[in-house]
Amino acid sequence: MAKINSLDVLALAKFQAILFAFVGLAAGVIYSFGGLIFDLVTTGSLNLGTALAFLALIGMPLIFAVAGAVLGVFEAVLFNILARKFGGVKIDFIR
């Protein structure tokens, strides 16, 4: 049984930034291609809005990564404060 008393703030922030960036990429793909299909079905052509929607493939992962990093810092700091006050978390790792 291992006991975790603190978390490395920057390590958790980097991990969550990468994890959230992949989630943002998936959301960007769904948003972009959903908009493409919607425009083709409803208007039969593409417009500037559809082209701009493909910027979500860049923008959403960046926004999600920043949000993940901020959330990771917040979670790690909060865990470290609460772990000092109430004790850490016991985890049983299976070998």
Protein backbone atom coordinates (compact mmCIF):
# COMPACT_ATOMS: atom_id res chain seq x y z
CA MET A 1 0.00 0.00 0.00
CA ALA A 2 1.53 3.30 -1.11
CA LYS A 3 0.58 6.66 0.34
CA ILE A 4 0.61 9.78 -1.80
CA ASN A 5 1.20 12.89 0.30
CA SER A 6 1.81 15.44 -2.44
CA LEU A 7 1.69 15.93 -6.19
CA ASP A 8 4.18 17.72 -8.42
CA VAL A 9 2.21 20.73 -9.59
CA LEU A 10 3.92 21.20 -12.95
CA ALA A 11 3.90 17.48 -13.75
CA LEU A 12 0.13 17.26 -13.25
CA ALA A 13 -0.38 20.49 -15.21
CA LYS A 14 1.62 19.14 -18.17
CA PHE A 15 -0.16 15.78 -18.05
CA GLN A 16 -3.61 17.36 -18.02
CA ALA A 17 -2.66 19.85 -20.73
CA ILE A 18 -1.67 16.98 -23.04
CA LEU A 19 -4.75 14.94 -22.12
CA PHE A 20 -7.11 17.88 -22.63
CA ALA A 21 -5.40 18.76 -25.94
CA PHE A 22 -6.31 15.33 -27.30
CA VAL A 23 -9.89 15.79 -26.09
CA GLY A 24 -9.92 19.22 -27.76
CA LEU A 25 -8.64 17.71 -30.99
CA ALA A 26 -11.44 15.14 -30.94
CA ALA A 27 -13.99 17.88 -30.24
CA GLY A 28 -12.51 20.01 -33.05
CA VAL A 29 -12.77 17.15 -35.53
CA ILE A 30 -16.41 16.52 -34.58
CA TYR A 31 -17.23 20.23 -34.76
CA SER A 32 -15.48 20.79 -38.09
CA PHE A 33 -16.84 17.80 -39.94
CA GLY A 34 -20.26 18.22 -38.37
CA GLY A 35 -20.39 21.77 -39.71
CA LEU A 36 -19.19 20.59 -43.10
CA ILE A 37 -21.88 17.92 -43.35
CA PHE A 38 -24.55 20.33 -42.07
CA ASP A 39 -23.67 22.95 -44.69
CA LEU A 40 -23.59 20.42 -47.50
CA VAL A 41 -26.97 19.00 -46.50
CA THR A 42 -28.76 22.30 -45.87
CA THR A 43 -27.27 24.67 -48.47
CA GLY A 44 -25.56 22.30 -50.86
CA SER A 45 -22.38 24.39 -50.84
CA LEU A 46 -19.62 25.56 -48.56
CA ASN A 47 -19.35 29.06 -47.17
CA LEU A 48 -16.82 31.05 -45.16
CA GLY A 49 -18.29 29.79 -41.90
CA THR A 50 -17.45 26.24 -42.85
CA ALA A 51 -13.90 27.19 -43.70
CA LEU A 52 -13.56 29.01 -40.40
CA ALA A 53 -14.97 26.00 -38.57
CA PHE A 54 -11.89 24.06 -39.64
CA LEU A 55 -9.84 26.48 -37.53
CA ALA A 56 -11.38 24.57 -34.63
CA LEU A 57 -8.86 21.84 -35.44
CA ILE A 58 -6.18 24.26 -34.21
CA GLY A 59 -8.09 26.42 -31.76
CA MET A 60 -9.94 23.86 -29.70
CA PRO A 61 -6.86 21.79 -28.76
CA LEU A 62 -5.05 24.98 -27.75
CA ILE A 63 -7.95 26.24 -25.65
CA PHE A 64 -8.49 22.83 -24.07
CA ALA A 65 -4.74 22.46 -23.33
CA VAL A 66 -4.60 25.82 -21.55
CA ALA A 67 -7.73 24.95 -19.56
CA GLY A 68 -6.25 21.55 -18.68
CA ALA A 69 -2.99 23.10 -17.48
CA VAL A 70 -4.81 25.65 -15.32
CA LEU A 71 -7.06 22.95 -13.92
CA GLY A 72 -4.06 20.69 -13.26
CA VAL A 73 -2.31 23.43 -11.27
CA PHE A 74 -5.47 24.11 -9.29
CA GLU A 75 -6.07 20.41 -8.56
CA ALA A 76 -2.46 19.74 -7.51
CA VAL A 77 -2.30 22.76 -5.21
CA LEU A 78 -5.66 21.87 -3.67
CA PHE A 79 -4.59 18.25 -3.19
CA ASN A 80 -1.31 19.29 -1.57
CA ILE A 81 -3.09 21.60 0.86
CA LEU A 82 -5.72 19.04 1.78
CA ALA A 83 -3.19 16.18 2.00
CA ARG A 84 -1.13 18.14 4.53
CA LYS A 85 -4.21 18.86 6.59
CA PHE A 86 -6.04 15.52 6.40
CA GLY A 87 -3.38 13.04 5.28
CA GLY A 88 -2.62 11.63 1.86
CA VAL A 89 -4.31 9.02 -0.26
CA LYS A 90 -3.51 5.33 0.13
CA ILE A 91 -3.34 3.41 -3.13
CA ASP A 92 -2.72 -0.28 -3.61
CA PHE A 93 -0.73 -0.83 -6.82
CA ILE A 94 -1.06 -4.30 -8.36
CA ARG A 95 2.21 -5.80 -9.55
